[in-house]
C-alpha atoms as a PDB file:
ATOM      1  CA  GLN A   1      29.772  10.407  -0.160  1.00  0.00           C
ATOM      2  CA  TYR A   2      31.118   6.865  -0.468  1.00  0.00           C
ATOM      3  CA  GLN A   3      32.513   7.647  -3.917  1.00  0.00           C
ATOM      4  CA  VAL A   4      34.139  10.852  -2.646  1.00  0.00           C
ATOM      5  CA  ASP A   5      35.736   9.057   0.296  1.00  0.00           C
ATOM      6  CA  ARG A   6      36.908   6.226  -1.919  1.00  0.00           C
ATOM      7  CA  GLY A   7      38.350   8.657  -4.446  1.00  0.00           C
ATOM      8  CA  ASN A   8      40.243  10.578  -1.778  1.00  0.00           C
ATOM      9  CA  ALA A   9      41.628   7.319  -0.374  1.00  0.00           C
ATOM     10  CA  LEU A  10      42.897   6.344  -3.842  1.00  0.00           C
ATOM     11  CA  CYS A  11      44.443   9.804  -4.315  1.00  0.00           C
ATOM     12  CA  LYS A  12      46.260   9.457  -0.996  1.00  0.00           C
ATOM     13  CA  GLN A  13      47.435   5.989  -1.959  1.00  0.00           C
ATOM     14  CA  ALA A  14      48.801   7.376  -5.244  1.00  0.00           C
ATOM     15  CA  GLU A  15      50.426  10.291  -3.352  1.00  0.00           C
ATOM     16  CA  LEU A  16      48.419  12.878  -5.303  1.00  0.00           C
ATOM     17  CA  ASP A  17      48.675  15.495  -2.583  1.00  0.00           C
ATOM     18  CA  LYS A  18      47.055  18.280  -4.605  1.00  0.00           C
ATOM     19  CA  CYS A  19      44.079  16.199  -5.713  1.00  0.00           C
ATOM     20  CA  GLN A  20      40.976  16.301  -3.519  1.00  0.00           C
ATOM     21  CA  LEU A  21      37.401  15.180  -4.199  1.00  0.00           C
ATOM     22  CA  VAL A  22      34.636  17.344  -2.726  1.00  0.00           C
ATOM     23  CA  GLN A  23      30.896  16.710  -2.740  1.00  0.00           C
ATOM     24  CA  ALA A  24      29.048  19.943  -3.483  1.00  0.00           C
ATOM     25  CA  ASP A  25      26.292  21.729  -5.393  1.00  0.00           C
ATOM     26  CA  PHE A  26      27.856  23.004  -8.596  1.00  0.00           C
ATOM     27  CA  HIS A  27      25.502  25.985  -8.481  1.00  0.00           C
ATOM     28  CA  LYS A  28      27.099  27.021  -5.143  1.00  0.00           C
ATOM     29  CA  LEU A  29      30.692  25.817  -5.166  1.00  0.00           C
ATOM     30  CA  PRO A  30      32.453  25.935  -1.762  1.00  0.00           C
ATOM     31  CA  PHE A  31      35.512  27.723  -3.136  1.00  0.00           C
ATOM     32  CA  ALA A  32      36.657  31.325  -3.029  1.00  0.00           C
ATOM     33  CA  ASP A  33      36.658  33.560  -6.102  1.00  0.00           C
ATOM     34  CA  GLY A  34      39.602  32.934  -8.413  1.00  0.00           C
ATOM     35  CA  THR A  35      40.638  29.654  -6.792  1.00  0.00           C
ATOM     36  CA  PHE A  36      41.471  27.573  -9.876  1.00  0.00           C
ATOM     37  CA  ASP A  37      43.824  27.994 -12.824  1.00  0.00           C
ATOM     38  CA  HIS A  38      41.497  25.986 -15.064  1.00  0.00           C
ATOM     39  CA  VAL A  39      38.246  24.015 -14.782  1.00  0.00           C
ATOM     40  CA  TYR A  40      36.813  21.069 -16.702  1.00  0.00           C
ATOM     41  CA  SER A  41      33.592  19.084 -16.667  1.00  0.00           C
ATOM     42  CA  ILE A  42      32.571  15.866 -18.392  1.00  0.00           C
ATOM     43  CA  GLU A  43      28.868  15.176 -18.982  1.00  0.00           C
ATOM     44  CA  ALA A  44      27.957  17.086 -15.814  1.00  0.00           C
ATOM     45  CA  CYS A  45      26.554  20.523 -16.706  1.00  0.00           C
ATOM     46  CA  CYS A  46      23.637  18.909 -18.535  1.00  0.00           C
ATOM     47  CA  HIS A  47      22.200  18.163 -15.071  1.00  0.00           C
ATOM     48  CA  SER A  48      21.699  21.891 -14.429  1.00  0.00           C
ATOM     49  CA  PRO A  49      18.235  23.301 -15.259  1.00  0.00           C
ATOM     50  CA  ASP A  50      19.993  26.460 -16.492  1.00  0.00           C
ATOM     51  CA  ARG A  51      23.513  26.289 -17.903  1.00  0.00           C
ATOM     52  CA  ARG A  52      24.055  29.928 -16.981  1.00  0.00           C
ATOM     53  CA  ASP A  53      23.860  29.116 -13.279  1.00  0.00           C
ATOM     54  CA  VAL A  54      26.653  26.553 -13.370  1.00  0.00           C
ATOM     55  CA  TYR A  55      28.742  28.451 -15.929  1.00  0.00           C
ATOM     56  CA  ARG A  56      28.500  31.548 -13.731  1.00  0.00           C
ATOM     57  CA  GLU A  57      29.943  29.580 -10.815  1.00  0.00           C
ATOM     58  CA  VAL A  58      32.726  28.226 -13.017  1.00  0.00           C
ATOM     59  CA  MET A  59      33.516  31.781 -14.070  1.00  0.00           C
ATOM     60  CA  ARG A  60      33.620  32.902 -10.435  1.00  0.00           C
ATOM     61  CA  VAL A  61      36.084  30.255  -9.205  1.00  0.00           C
ATOM     62  CA  LEU A  62      38.393  30.655 -12.220  1.00  0.00           C
ATOM     63  CA  LYS A  63      41.409  32.930 -12.097  1.00  0.00           C
ATOM     64  CA  PRO A  64      41.481  35.688 -14.753  1.00  0.00           C
ATOM     65  CA  GLY A  65      42.671  34.180 -18.030  1.00  0.00           C
ATOM     66  CA  GLY A  66      41.759  30.676 -16.856  1.00  0.00           C
ATOM     67  CA  CYS A  67      40.125  28.227 -19.242  1.00  0.00           C
ATOM     68  CA  PHE A  68      37.036  26.050 -18.999  1.00  0.00           C
ATOM     69  CA  VAL A  69      36.676  22.856 -21.026  1.00  0.00           C
ATOM     70  CA  SER A  70      33.496  20.804 -21.049  1.00  0.00           C
ATOM     71  CA  TYR A  71      31.791  17.890 -22.760  1.00  0.00           C
ATOM     72  CA  GLU A  72      28.049  18.581 -22.966  1.00  0.00           C
ATOM     73  CA  TRP A  73      24.948  16.494 -23.695  1.00  0.00           C
ATOM     74  CA  CYS A  74      22.926  18.456 -26.247  1.00  0.00           C
ATOM     75  CA  LEU A  75      20.377  18.368 -29.026  1.00  0.00           C
ATOM     76  CA  THR A  76      21.744  19.175 -32.467  1.00  0.00           C
ATOM     77  CA  ASP A  77      20.191  21.161 -35.308  1.00  0.00           C
ATOM     78  CA  LYS A  78      18.815  17.872 -36.675  1.00  0.00           C
ATOM     79  CA  TYR A  79      16.352  17.591 -33.793  1.00  0.00           C
ATOM     80  CA  ASN A  80      12.781  18.137 -34.974  1.00  0.00           C
ATOM     81  CA  LYS A  81      10.230  18.816 -32.247  1.00  0.00           C
ATOM     82  CA  SER A  82       7.478  17.880 -34.701  1.00  0.00           C
ATOM     83  CA  ASP A  83       8.909  14.377 -35.155  1.00  0.00           C
ATOM     84  CA  LYS A  84       7.339  12.023 -32.613  1.00  0.00           C
ATOM     85  CA  ALA A  85      10.335   9.665 -32.734  1.00  0.00           C
ATOM     86  CA  HIS A  86      12.693  12.540 -31.893  1.00  0.00           C
ATOM     87  CA  VAL A  87      10.465  13.716 -29.041  1.00  0.00           C
ATOM     88  CA  LEU A  88      10.214  10.191 -27.597  1.00  0.00           C
ATOM     89  CA  ALA A  89      13.971   9.619 -27.740  1.00  0.00           C
ATOM     90  CA  LYS A  90      14.572  12.954 -26.003  1.00  0.00           C
ATOM     91  CA  LYS A  91      12.047  12.018 -23.299  1.00  0.00           C
ATOM     92  CA  LYS A  92      13.716   8.633 -22.740  1.00  0.00           C
ATOM     93  CA  ILE A  93      17.146  10.234 -22.379  1.00  0.00           C
ATOM     94  CA  GLU A  94      15.908  12.861 -19.941  1.00  0.00           C
ATOM     95  CA  GLU A  95      13.880  10.508 -17.770  1.00  0.00           C
ATOM     96  CA  GLY A  96      16.333   7.604 -17.883  1.00  0.00           C
ATOM     97  CA  ASP A  97      19.369   9.719 -17.022  1.00  0.00           C
ATOM     98  CA  GLY A  98      17.674  12.089 -14.597  1.00  0.00           C
ATOM     99  CA  LEU A  99      18.117  15.191 -16.746  1.00  0.00           C
ATOM    100  CA  PRO A 100      16.204  18.463 -17.013  1.00  0.00           C
ATOM    101  CA  ASP A 101      15.126  19.681 -20.450  1.00  0.00           C
ATOM    102  CA  LEU A 102      17.901  19.009 -22.976  1.00  0.00           C
ATOM    103  CA  VAL A 103      19.100  22.118 -24.800  1.00  0.00           C
ATOM    104  CA  PHE A 104      20.513  22.771 -28.251  1.00  0.00           C
ATOM    105  CA  THR A 105      24.246  23.197 -28.749  1.00  0.00           C
ATOM    106  CA  GLN A 106      23.875  26.882 -29.535  1.00  0.00           C
ATOM    107  CA  GLU A 107      22.166  27.425 -26.191  1.00  0.00           C
ATOM    108  CA  CYS A 108      25.358  26.284 -24.450  1.00  0.00           C
ATOM    109  CA  ASP A 109      27.326  28.776 -26.527  1.00  0.00           C
ATOM    110  CA  LYS A 110      24.935  31.583 -25.662  1.00  0.00           C
ATOM    111  CA  ALA A 111      24.968  30.707 -21.949  1.00  0.00           C
ATOM    112  CA  LEU A 112      28.774  30.864 -21.881  1.00  0.00           C
ATOM    113  CA  LYS A 113      28.769  34.270 -23.574  1.00  0.00           C
ATOM    114  CA  ASP A 114      25.974  35.545 -21.325  1.00  0.00           C
ATOM    115  CA  VAL A 115      28.090  35.010 -18.185  1.00  0.00           C
ATOM    116  CA  GLY A 116      31.159  36.575 -19.747  1.00  0.00           C
ATOM    117  CA  PHE A 117      33.224  33.754 -21.220  1.00  0.00           C
ATOM    118  CA  GLU A 118      35.214  34.109 -24.425  1.00  0.00           C
ATOM    119  CA  ILE A 119      34.566  31.047 -26.587  1.00  0.00           C
ATOM    120  CA  LEU A 120      37.792  29.714 -28.085  1.00  0.00           C
ATOM    121  CA  GLU A 121      36.336  26.606 -29.711  1.00  0.00           C
ATOM    122  CA  CYS A 122      33.085  24.668 -29.841  1.00  0.00           C
ATOM    123  CA  ARG A 123      32.141  21.663 -31.937  1.00  0.00           C
ATOM    124  CA  ASP A 124      30.292  18.363 -31.922  1.00  0.00           C
ATOM    125  CA  ALA A 125      33.205  15.981 -31.309  1.00  0.00           C
ATOM    126  CA  ALA A 126      30.953  13.064 -32.279  1.00  0.00           C
ATOM    127  CA  LEU A 127      31.420  14.245 -35.868  1.00  0.00           C
ATOM    128  CA  ASP A 128      35.230  14.177 -35.677  1.00  0.00           C
ATOM    129  CA  ALA A 129      36.999  11.754 -38.000  1.00  0.00           C
ATOM    130  CA  ASN A 130      37.490   8.400 -36.293  1.00  0.00           C
ATOM    131  CA  PRO A 131      39.196   6.028 -38.773  1.00  0.00           C
ATOM    132  CA  GLY A 132      38.663   2.413 -37.796  1.00  0.00           C
ATOM    133  CA  GLY A 133      36.688   3.411 -34.704  1.00  0.00           C
ATOM    134  CA  GLU A 134      33.062   2.959 -33.720  1.00  0.00           C
ATOM    135  CA  ASP A 135      30.273   5.485 -33.295  1.00  0.00           C
ATOM    136  CA  TRP A 136      29.846   6.482 -29.646  1.00  0.00           C
ATOM    137  CA  PHE A 137      26.446   4.764 -29.430  1.00  0.00           C
ATOM    138  CA  THR A 138      27.605   1.399 -30.820  1.00  0.00           C
ATOM    139  CA  ILE A 139      28.494   0.108 -27.346  1.00  0.00           C
ATOM    140  CA  LEU A 140      24.820   0.600 -26.396  1.00  0.00           C
ATOM    141  CA  THR A 141      23.343  -1.341 -29.324  1.00  0.00           C
ATOM    142  CA  PRO A 142      22.202  -4.982 -29.058  1.00  0.00           C
ATOM    143  CA  SER A 143      24.631  -7.693 -30.183  1.00  0.00           C
ATOM    144  CA  TYR A 144      24.979 -11.399 -29.466  1.00  0.00           C
ATOM    145  CA  LEU A 145      28.646 -11.186 -30.488  1.00  0.00           C
ATOM    146  CA  SER A 146      29.647  -8.851 -27.648  1.00  0.00           C
ATOM    147  CA  PHE A 147      29.555  -9.982 -24.002  1.00  0.00           C
ATOM    148  CA  PHE A 148      28.670  -6.473 -22.812  1.00  0.00           C
ATOM    149  CA  ARG A 149      26.074  -5.758 -25.496  1.00  0.00           C
ATOM    150  CA  VAL A 150      24.194  -9.045 -25.046  1.00  0.00           C
ATOM    151  CA  GLN A 151      22.309  -7.362 -22.200  1.00  0.00           C
ATOM    152  CA  PHE A 152      20.595  -5.079 -24.738  1.00  0.00           C
ATOM    153  CA  THR A 153      19.223  -7.966 -26.813  1.00  0.00           C
ATOM    154  CA  PRO A 154      15.691  -9.289 -26.169  1.00  0.00           C
ATOM    155  CA  ILE A 155      17.060 -12.506 -24.619  1.00  0.00           C
ATOM    156  CA  GLY A 156      19.608 -10.590 -22.549  1.00  0.00           C
ATOM    157  CA  THR A 157      16.956  -8.196 -21.266  1.00  0.00           C
ATOM    158  CA  PHE A 158      14.648 -11.093 -20.374  1.00  0.00           C
ATOM    159  CA  LEU A 159      17.368 -12.957 -18.466  1.00  0.00           C
ATOM    160  CA  LEU A 160      18.597  -9.887 -16.626  1.00  0.00           C
ATOM    161  CA  ASN A 161      15.061  -9.101 -15.483  1.00  0.00           C
ATOM    162  CA  ILE A 162      14.732 -12.619 -14.064  1.00  0.00           C
ATOM    163  CA  VAL A 163      18.121 -12.425 -12.320  1.00  0.00           C
ATOM    164  CA  LEU A 164      17.360  -9.043 -10.746  1.00  0.00           C
ATOM    165  CA  THR A 165      13.908 -10.207  -9.625  1.00  0.00           C
ATOM    166  CA  LEU A 166      15.431 -13.247  -7.917  1.00  0.00           C
ATOM    167  CA  MET A 167      18.147 -11.140  -6.323  1.00  0.00           C
ATOM    168  CA  GLU A 168      15.499  -8.796  -4.913  1.00  0.00           C
ATOM    169  CA  TRP A 169      13.513 -11.749  -3.572  1.00  0.00           C
ATOM    170  CA  PHE A 170      16.550 -13.094  -1.721  1.00  0.00           C
ATOM    171  CA  TRP A 171      17.701  -9.640  -0.526  1.00  0.00           C
ATOM    172  CA  LEU A 172      20.859  -9.829  -2.637  1.00  0.00           C
ATOM    173  CA  ALA A 173      19.911  -6.591  -4.385  1.00  0.00           C
ATOM    174  CA  PRO A 174      18.030  -3.546  -3.066  1.00  0.00           C
ATOM    175  CA  LYS A 175      14.294  -3.493  -3.709  1.00  0.00           C
ATOM    176  CA  GLY A 176      13.606  -1.583  -6.905  1.00  0.00           C
ATOM    177  CA  SER A 177      16.816  -2.627  -8.663  1.00  0.00           C
ATOM    178  CA  GLY A 178      14.787  -4.058 -11.541  1.00  0.00           C
ATOM    179  CA  LYS A 179      12.888  -0.781 -11.962  1.00  0.00           C
ATOM    180  CA  VAL A 180      16.138   1.189 -12.004  1.00  0.00           C
ATOM    181  CA  ARG A 181      17.549  -1.163 -14.629  1.00  0.00           C
ATOM    182  CA  GLU A 182      14.456  -0.656 -16.789  1.00  0.00           C
ATOM    183  CA  MET A 183      14.730   3.110 -16.406  1.00  0.00           C
ATOM    184  CA  LEU A 184      18.341   2.963 -17.610  1.00  0.00           C
ATOM    185  CA  ARG A 185      17.324   0.648 -20.462  1.00  0.00           C
ATOM    186  CA  GLN A 186      14.846   3.215 -21.687  1.00  0.00           C
ATOM    187  CA  ALA A 187      17.622   5.818 -21.588  1.00  0.00           C
ATOM    188  CA  GLN A 188      19.805   3.460 -23.607  1.00  0.00           C
ATOM    189  CA  LEU A 189      17.087   3.181 -26.261  1.00  0.00           C
ATOM    190  CA  GLY A 190      16.797   6.951 -26.438  1.00  0.00           C
ATOM    191  CA  LEU A 191      20.567   7.439 -26.671  1.00  0.00           C
ATOM    192  CA  VAL A 192      20.902   4.948 -29.510  1.00  0.00           C
ATOM    193  CA  ALA A 193      17.998   6.496 -31.427  1.00  0.00           C
ATOM    194  CA  GLY A 194      19.327  10.013 -30.931  1.00  0.00           C
ATOM    195  CA  GLY A 195      22.861   8.985 -31.847  1.00  0.00           C
ATOM    196  CA  LYS A 196      21.860   7.116 -34.991  1.00  0.00           C
ATOM    197  CA  GLY A 197      19.605   9.977 -36.062  1.00  0.00           C
ATOM    198  CA  GLY A 198      22.291  12.547 -35.320  1.00  0.00           C
ATOM    199  CA  TYR A 199      19.907  14.766 -33.368  1.00  0.00           C
ATOM    200  CA  PHE A 200      21.548  14.131 -29.993  1.00  0.00           C
ATOM    201  CA  THR A 201      25.208  14.286 -28.988  1.00  0.00           C
ATOM    202  CA  PRO A 202      26.915  13.530 -25.659  1.00  0.00           C
ATOM    203  CA  MET A 203      30.117  15.026 -27.062  1.00  0.00           C
ATOM    204  CA  TYR A 204      29.538  18.737 -27.623  1.00  0.00           C
ATOM    205  CA  PHE A 205      32.978  20.167 -26.862  1.00  0.00           C
ATOM    206  CA  VAL A 206      33.297  23.695 -25.526  1.00  0.00           C
ATOM    207  CA  PHE A 207      36.570  25.496 -24.814  1.00  0.00           C
ATOM    208  CA  ALA A 208      36.176  28.914 -23.235  1.00  0.00           C
ATOM    209  CA  ARG A 209      38.289  31.439 -21.345  1.00  0.00           C
ATOM    210  CA  LYS A 210      37.641  33.904 -18.558  1.00  0.00           C
ATOM    211  CA  PRO A 211      38.851  37.339 -19.708  1.00  0.00           C
ATOM    212  CA  SER A 212      42.123  38.462 -18.173  1.00  0.00           C
ATOM    213  CA  LYS A 213      40.567  41.814 -17.372  1.00  0.00           C
ATOM    214  CA  PRO A 214      36.952  42.549 -16.387  1.00  0.00           C
ATOM    215  CA  SER A 215      34.855  43.801 -19.302  1.00  0.00           C
ATOM    216  CA  LYS A 216      33.898  47.436 -19.104  1.00  0.00           C
END
């Protein structure tokens, strides 16, 4: 709730009168049918145990002809359930980021169609040309040449663990902060492995539309 309140305060400060943050269950949105012109989500729907449930709610609150755009966390066709390294990386991502079972990209497509959406475009945006840019997972890889990425190196991990332990001892950080950091570190390892192997993407782009007229 703190983040919602803070966000609304910033919106008011910026005089964004039509922008309001609301805390809610995205399986049971507190909005009437046909409320919104368009809807978007970024790395959110992956937290639903069944994409159909959240997509169905998106469909409900959209006006006829309205569009839905989303970035999804998914497994790609390169994922091999018989490969122990793939299975471990998937497990680390799910447990470290608090996710239900990750699904394949085509399952997102099917879920959208099942609830009545027309798919206008879908693709793994991680594969888009990016001249001079970095892979999405690079920021999560260890490096002694980057201030942010030092934390992922063995020395950085060791020092951070000591700092967090001391902060917990002196009540400067909530008890369990070190365990949470380790949980997120395991997720980071899974994300890097899945990204390098190409069997996981956090950038599956879907662009769909609610039909202007109900299907017969």
